[in-house]
Amino acid sequence: MMRLFCRFCLAALAATAAAAQADVMYQCIDEQGHKTFSNVKLADKGVKCTAMDLGPATTIPAPRPAASPAARPGSPAGFPRVGESAQKERDNDRRRILENELEAERRNLDQARKDLAEQEAIRTGDERNYQRVLDRLEPYKNKVALHERNIEAIEKEIAKLR
């Protein structure tokens, strides 16, 4: 019994010593004013070290894994529910809005392509260097590309609808 008690005391003493040593940090400032932080006091000439008490060590809990969609809890009891007919009406409104946006983007794309074609047909006298032509056409090409990306994104959203 005495042997077990001695082992327990030694283990407690070792844990206390390790925790106490981990809680003390030293801030050392050299002659140039550079700060160094260490758990060991530096004994160099011209270095002034002061002890900093950090308090008890804390552990950060490991992050919990994300819950799967099936394991997520449902809506709270007092949370208002949307009826099936109301949800279908909202979905239809969303589809109609997206289709209107798609139609408007297609019109904008057609106009941007016409503007680009007109600019490509124009040659001014000060554009002997072909890079100047490319620089002048770049905003028009960017506008066409923007409308093409918008159309692609809207079509993806329409495809996601139920």
C-alpha atoms as a PDB file:
ATOM      1  CA  MET A   1       0.000   0.000   0.000  1.00  0.00           C
ATOM      2  CA  MET A   2       2.837   2.341   0.876  1.00  0.00           C
ATOM      3  CA  ARG A   3       4.485   1.643  -2.474  1.00  0.00           C
ATOM      4  CA  LEU A   4       1.303   2.647  -4.346  1.00  0.00           C
ATOM      5  CA  PHE A   5       1.097   5.870  -2.299  1.00  0.00           C
ATOM      6  CA  CYS A   6       4.718   6.751  -3.149  1.00  0.00           C
ATOM      7  CA  ARG A   7       4.119   6.183  -6.861  1.00  0.00           C
ATOM      8  CA  PHE A   8       1.061   8.422  -6.724  1.00  0.00           C
ATOM      9  CA  CYS A   9       2.997  11.178  -4.970  1.00  0.00           C
ATOM     10  CA  LEU A  10       5.858  10.985  -7.481  1.00  0.00           C
ATOM     11  CA  ALA A  11       3.426  11.163 -10.402  1.00  0.00           C
ATOM     12  CA  ALA A  12       1.636  14.162  -8.874  1.00  0.00           C
ATOM     13  CA  LEU A  13       4.950  15.895  -8.182  1.00  0.00           C
ATOM     14  CA  ALA A  14       6.164  15.312 -11.764  1.00  0.00           C
ATOM     15  CA  ALA A  15       2.910  16.641 -13.220  1.00  0.00           C
ATOM     16  CA  THR A  16       3.043  19.723 -11.002  1.00  0.00           C
ATOM     17  CA  ALA A  17       6.674  20.423 -11.909  1.00  0.00           C
ATOM     18  CA  ALA A  18       5.986  20.082 -15.632  1.00  0.00           C
ATOM     19  CA  ALA A  19       2.954  22.347 -15.414  1.00  0.00           C
ATOM     20  CA  ALA A  20       4.841  24.933 -13.370  1.00  0.00           C
ATOM     21  CA  GLN A  21       7.751  24.986 -15.806  1.00  0.00           C
ATOM     22  CA  ALA A  22       5.437  25.363 -18.817  1.00  0.00           C
ATOM     23  CA  ASP A  23       3.707  28.373 -17.245  1.00  0.00           C
ATOM     24  CA  VAL A  24       6.862  30.544 -17.008  1.00  0.00           C
ATOM     25  CA  MET A  25       8.119  32.326 -20.089  1.00  0.00           C
ATOM     26  CA  TYR A  26      10.917  34.862 -20.321  1.00  0.00           C
ATOM     27  CA  GLN A  27      10.910  38.035 -22.367  1.00  0.00           C
ATOM     28  CA  CYS A  28      14.512  38.892 -23.218  1.00  0.00           C
ATOM     29  CA  ILE A  29      15.537  42.214 -24.760  1.00  0.00           C
ATOM     30  CA  ASP A  30      19.033  42.595 -26.240  1.00  0.00           C
ATOM     31  CA  GLU A  31      21.095  45.793 -26.642  1.00  0.00           C
ATOM     32  CA  GLN A  32      19.525  46.581 -30.032  1.00  0.00           C
ATOM     33  CA  GLY A  33      16.021  46.328 -28.554  1.00  0.00           C
ATOM     34  CA  HIS A  34      15.062  43.031 -30.197  1.00  0.00           C
ATOM     35  CA  LYS A  35      12.617  40.973 -28.145  1.00  0.00           C
ATOM     36  CA  THR A  36      12.965  37.227 -27.748  1.00  0.00           C
ATOM     37  CA  PHE A  37      10.524  34.966 -25.930  1.00  0.00           C
ATOM     38  CA  SER A  38      11.770  31.699 -24.445  1.00  0.00           C
ATOM     39  CA  ASN A  39      11.028  29.205 -21.712  1.00  0.00           C
ATOM     40  CA  VAL A  40      14.728  29.360 -20.715  1.00  0.00           C
ATOM     41  CA  LYS A  41      16.358  32.457 -19.258  1.00  0.00           C
ATOM     42  CA  LEU A  42      19.167  33.629 -21.559  1.00  0.00           C
ATOM     43  CA  ALA A  43      22.534  34.268 -19.900  1.00  0.00           C
ATOM     44  CA  ASP A  44      24.120  36.387 -22.660  1.00  0.00           C
ATOM     45  CA  LYS A  45      25.823  39.710 -21.875  1.00  0.00           C
ATOM     46  CA  GLY A  46      23.694  42.728 -22.630  1.00  0.00           C
ATOM     47  CA  VAL A  47      20.462  40.727 -22.565  1.00  0.00           C
ATOM     48  CA  LYS A  48      17.870  41.606 -19.956  1.00  0.00           C
ATOM     49  CA  CYS A  49      15.303  38.865 -19.245  1.00  0.00           C
ATOM     50  CA  THR A  50      12.106  39.225 -17.243  1.00  0.00           C
ATOM     51  CA  ALA A  51       9.801  36.380 -16.237  1.00  0.00           C
ATOM     52  CA  MET A  52       6.245  36.442 -17.540  1.00  0.00           C
ATOM     53  CA  ASP A  53       3.591  34.412 -15.720  1.00  0.00           C
ATOM     54  CA  LEU A  54       1.160  33.038 -18.285  1.00  0.00           C
ATOM     55  CA  GLY A  55      -1.162  31.378 -15.810  1.00  0.00           C
ATOM     56  CA  PRO A  56      -2.325  27.782 -15.991  1.00  0.00           C
ATOM     57  CA  ALA A  57      -1.961  25.972 -19.293  1.00  0.00           C
ATOM     58  CA  THR A  58      -5.186  25.367 -21.163  1.00  0.00           C
ATOM     59  CA  THR A  59      -5.875  22.779 -23.781  1.00  0.00           C
ATOM     60  CA  ILE A  60      -7.847  23.430 -26.915  1.00  0.00           C
ATOM     61  CA  PRO A  61     -10.481  20.785 -27.553  1.00  0.00           C
ATOM     62  CA  ALA A  62     -10.238  18.914 -30.835  1.00  0.00           C
ATOM     63  CA  PRO A  63     -12.763  20.058 -33.449  1.00  0.00           C
ATOM     64  CA  ARG A  64     -15.791  17.873 -33.754  1.00  0.00           C
ATOM     65  CA  PRO A  65     -16.465  16.340 -37.145  1.00  0.00           C
ATOM     66  CA  ALA A  66     -19.208  17.977 -39.156  1.00  0.00           C
ATOM     67  CA  ALA A  67     -22.551  16.268 -38.888  1.00  0.00           C
ATOM     68  CA  SER A  68     -23.819  14.543 -41.987  1.00  0.00           C
ATOM     69  CA  PRO A  69     -26.933  16.046 -43.610  1.00  0.00           C
ATOM     70  CA  ALA A  70     -29.022  13.092 -42.436  1.00  0.00           C
ATOM     71  CA  ALA A  71     -27.880  13.561 -38.821  1.00  0.00           C
ATOM     72  CA  ARG A  72     -28.760  17.262 -38.645  1.00  0.00           C
ATOM     73  CA  PRO A  73     -31.716  18.090 -36.457  1.00  0.00           C
ATOM     74  CA  GLY A  74     -34.872  19.406 -38.106  1.00  0.00           C
ATOM     75  CA  SER A  75     -36.374  22.840 -37.673  1.00  0.00           C
ATOM     76  CA  PRO A  76     -37.179  23.997 -34.161  1.00  0.00           C
ATOM     77  CA  ALA A  77     -40.686  23.318 -32.934  1.00  0.00           C
ATOM     78  CA  GLY A  78     -41.801  26.963 -33.133  1.00  0.00           C
ATOM     79  CA  PHE A  79     -40.273  27.549 -36.568  1.00  0.00           C
ATOM     80  CA  PRO A  80     -42.922  28.452 -39.164  1.00  0.00           C
ATOM     81  CA  ARG A  81     -43.458  25.876 -41.883  1.00  0.00           C
ATOM     82  CA  VAL A  82     -44.121  26.646 -45.528  1.00  0.00           C
ATOM     83  CA  GLY A  83     -46.944  24.773 -47.172  1.00  0.00           C
ATOM     84  CA  GLU A  84     -46.333  22.752 -50.312  1.00  0.00           C
ATOM     85  CA  SER A  85     -48.468  25.046 -52.474  1.00  0.00           C
ATOM     86  CA  ALA A  86     -46.652  28.146 -51.174  1.00  0.00           C
ATOM     87  CA  GLN A  87     -43.279  26.511 -51.889  1.00  0.00           C
ATOM     88  CA  LYS A  88     -44.360  25.575 -55.435  1.00  0.00           C
ATOM     89  CA  GLU A  89     -45.489  29.168 -55.977  1.00  0.00           C
ATOM     90  CA  ARG A  90     -42.101  30.455 -54.759  1.00  0.00           C
ATOM     91  CA  ASP A  91     -40.281  27.989 -57.025  1.00  0.00           C
ATOM     92  CA  ASN A  92     -42.388  29.092 -60.002  1.00  0.00           C
ATOM     93  CA  ASP A  93     -41.646  32.744 -59.221  1.00  0.00           C
ATOM     94  CA  ARG A  94     -37.945  31.965 -59.027  1.00  0.00           C
ATOM     95  CA  ARG A  95     -38.040  30.100 -62.340  1.00  0.00           C
ATOM     96  CA  ARG A  96     -39.905  32.996 -63.998  1.00  0.00           C
ATOM     97  CA  ILE A  97     -37.409  35.548 -62.638  1.00  0.00           C
ATOM     98  CA  LEU A  98     -34.419  33.471 -63.791  1.00  0.00           C
ATOM     99  CA  GLU A  99     -35.943  32.995 -67.254  1.00  0.00           C
ATOM    100  CA  ASN A 100     -36.508  36.761 -67.549  1.00  0.00           C
ATOM    101  CA  GLU A 101     -32.899  37.386 -66.499  1.00  0.00           C
ATOM    102  CA  LEU A 102     -31.709  34.812 -69.030  1.00  0.00           C
ATOM    103  CA  GLU A 103     -33.680  36.487 -71.793  1.00  0.00           C
ATOM    104  CA  ALA A 104     -32.290  39.915 -70.860  1.00  0.00           C
ATOM    105  CA  GLU A 105     -28.714  38.557 -70.771  1.00  0.00           C
ATOM    106  CA  ARG A 106     -29.150  37.006 -74.217  1.00  0.00           C
ATOM    107  CA  ARG A 107     -30.323  40.371 -75.577  1.00  0.00           C
ATOM    108  CA  ASN A 108     -27.335  42.064 -73.915  1.00  0.00           C
ATOM    109  CA  LEU A 109     -25.000  39.441 -75.401  1.00  0.00           C
ATOM    110  CA  ASP A 110     -26.397  40.029 -78.889  1.00  0.00           C
ATOM    111  CA  GLN A 111     -25.924  43.790 -78.486  1.00  0.00           C
ATOM    112  CA  ALA A 112     -22.376  43.320 -77.155  1.00  0.00           C
ATOM    113  CA  ARG A 113     -21.497  41.098 -80.127  1.00  0.00           C
ATOM    114  CA  LYS A 114     -22.878  43.709 -82.551  1.00  0.00           C
ATOM    115  CA  ASP A 115     -20.826  46.426 -80.827  1.00  0.00           C
ATOM    116  CA  LEU A 116     -17.709  44.246 -81.056  1.00  0.00           C
ATOM    117  CA  ALA A 117     -18.298  43.532 -84.748  1.00  0.00           C
ATOM    118  CA  GLU A 118     -18.720  47.264 -85.455  1.00  0.00           C
ATOM    119  CA  GLN A 119     -15.482  48.078 -83.629  1.00  0.00           C
ATOM    120  CA  GLU A 120     -13.611  45.313 -85.458  1.00  0.00           C
ATOM    121  CA  ALA A 121     -14.706  46.792 -88.788  1.00  0.00           C
ATOM    122  CA  ILE A 122     -13.381  50.252 -87.908  1.00  0.00           C
ATOM    123  CA  ARG A 123      -9.736  51.050 -88.661  1.00  0.00           C
ATOM    124  CA  THR A 124      -8.431  54.445 -87.680  1.00  0.00           C
ATOM    125  CA  GLY A 125      -5.309  56.033 -89.043  1.00  0.00           C
ATOM    126  CA  ASP A 126      -3.497  56.229 -85.719  1.00  0.00           C
ATOM    127  CA  GLU A 127      -3.660  52.438 -85.200  1.00  0.00           C
ATOM    128  CA  ARG A 128      -0.726  51.381 -87.378  1.00  0.00           C
ATOM    129  CA  ASN A 129       0.475  49.279 -84.480  1.00  0.00           C
ATOM    130  CA  TYR A 130      -1.837  46.250 -84.181  1.00  0.00           C
ATOM    131  CA  GLN A 131      -1.542  46.313 -80.380  1.00  0.00           C
ATOM    132  CA  ARG A 132      -3.510  49.557 -80.347  1.00  0.00           C
ATOM    133  CA  VAL A 133      -6.328  47.799 -82.200  1.00  0.00           C
ATOM    134  CA  LEU A 134      -6.289  44.983 -79.661  1.00  0.00           C
ATOM    135  CA  ASP A 135      -6.287  47.470 -76.778  1.00  0.00           C
ATOM    136  CA  ARG A 136      -9.290  49.276 -78.253  1.00  0.00           C
ATOM    137  CA  LEU A 137     -11.216  46.018 -78.793  1.00  0.00           C
ATOM    138  CA  GLU A 138     -10.428  44.502 -75.379  1.00  0.00           C
ATOM    139  CA  PRO A 139     -13.316  46.155 -73.446  1.00  0.00           C
ATOM    140  CA  TYR A 140     -15.789  44.958 -76.083  1.00  0.00           C
ATOM    141  CA  LYS A 141     -14.445  41.410 -75.915  1.00  0.00           C
ATOM    142  CA  ASN A 142     -14.599  41.513 -72.114  1.00  0.00           C
ATOM    143  CA  LYS A 143     -18.229  42.605 -72.260  1.00  0.00           C
ATOM    144  CA  VAL A 144     -19.113  39.697 -74.557  1.00  0.00           C
ATOM    145  CA  ALA A 145     -17.312  37.261 -72.246  1.00  0.00           C
ATOM    146  CA  LEU A 146     -19.114  38.695 -69.192  1.00  0.00           C
ATOM    147  CA  HIS A 147     -22.549  38.170 -70.758  1.00  0.00           C
ATOM    148  CA  GLU A 148     -21.596  34.641 -71.827  1.00  0.00           C
ATOM    149  CA  ARG A 149     -20.571  33.797 -68.239  1.00  0.00           C
ATOM    150  CA  ASN A 150     -23.791  35.311 -66.891  1.00  0.00           C
ATOM    151  CA  ILE A 151     -25.858  33.209 -69.270  1.00  0.00           C
ATOM    152  CA  GLU A 152     -23.982  30.086 -68.238  1.00  0.00           C
ATOM    153  CA  ALA A 153     -24.546  30.822 -64.530  1.00  0.00           C
ATOM    154  CA  ILE A 154     -28.264  31.498 -64.992  1.00  0.00           C
ATOM    155  CA  GLU A 155     -28.672  28.283 -66.988  1.00  0.00           C
ATOM    156  CA  LYS A 156     -26.996  26.354 -64.137  1.00  0.00           C
ATOM    157  CA  GLU A 157     -29.401  27.915 -61.635  1.00  0.00           C
ATOM    158  CA  ILE A 158     -32.401  26.999 -63.784  1.00  0.00           C
ATOM    159  CA  ALA A 159     -31.109  23.421 -64.045  1.00  0.00           C
ATOM    160  CA  LYS A 160     -30.936  23.197 -60.213  1.00  0.00           C
ATOM    161  CA  LEU A 161     -34.628  24.024 -59.809  1.00  0.00           C
ATOM    162  CA  ARG A 162     -36.985  21.210 -58.924  1.00  0.00           C
END
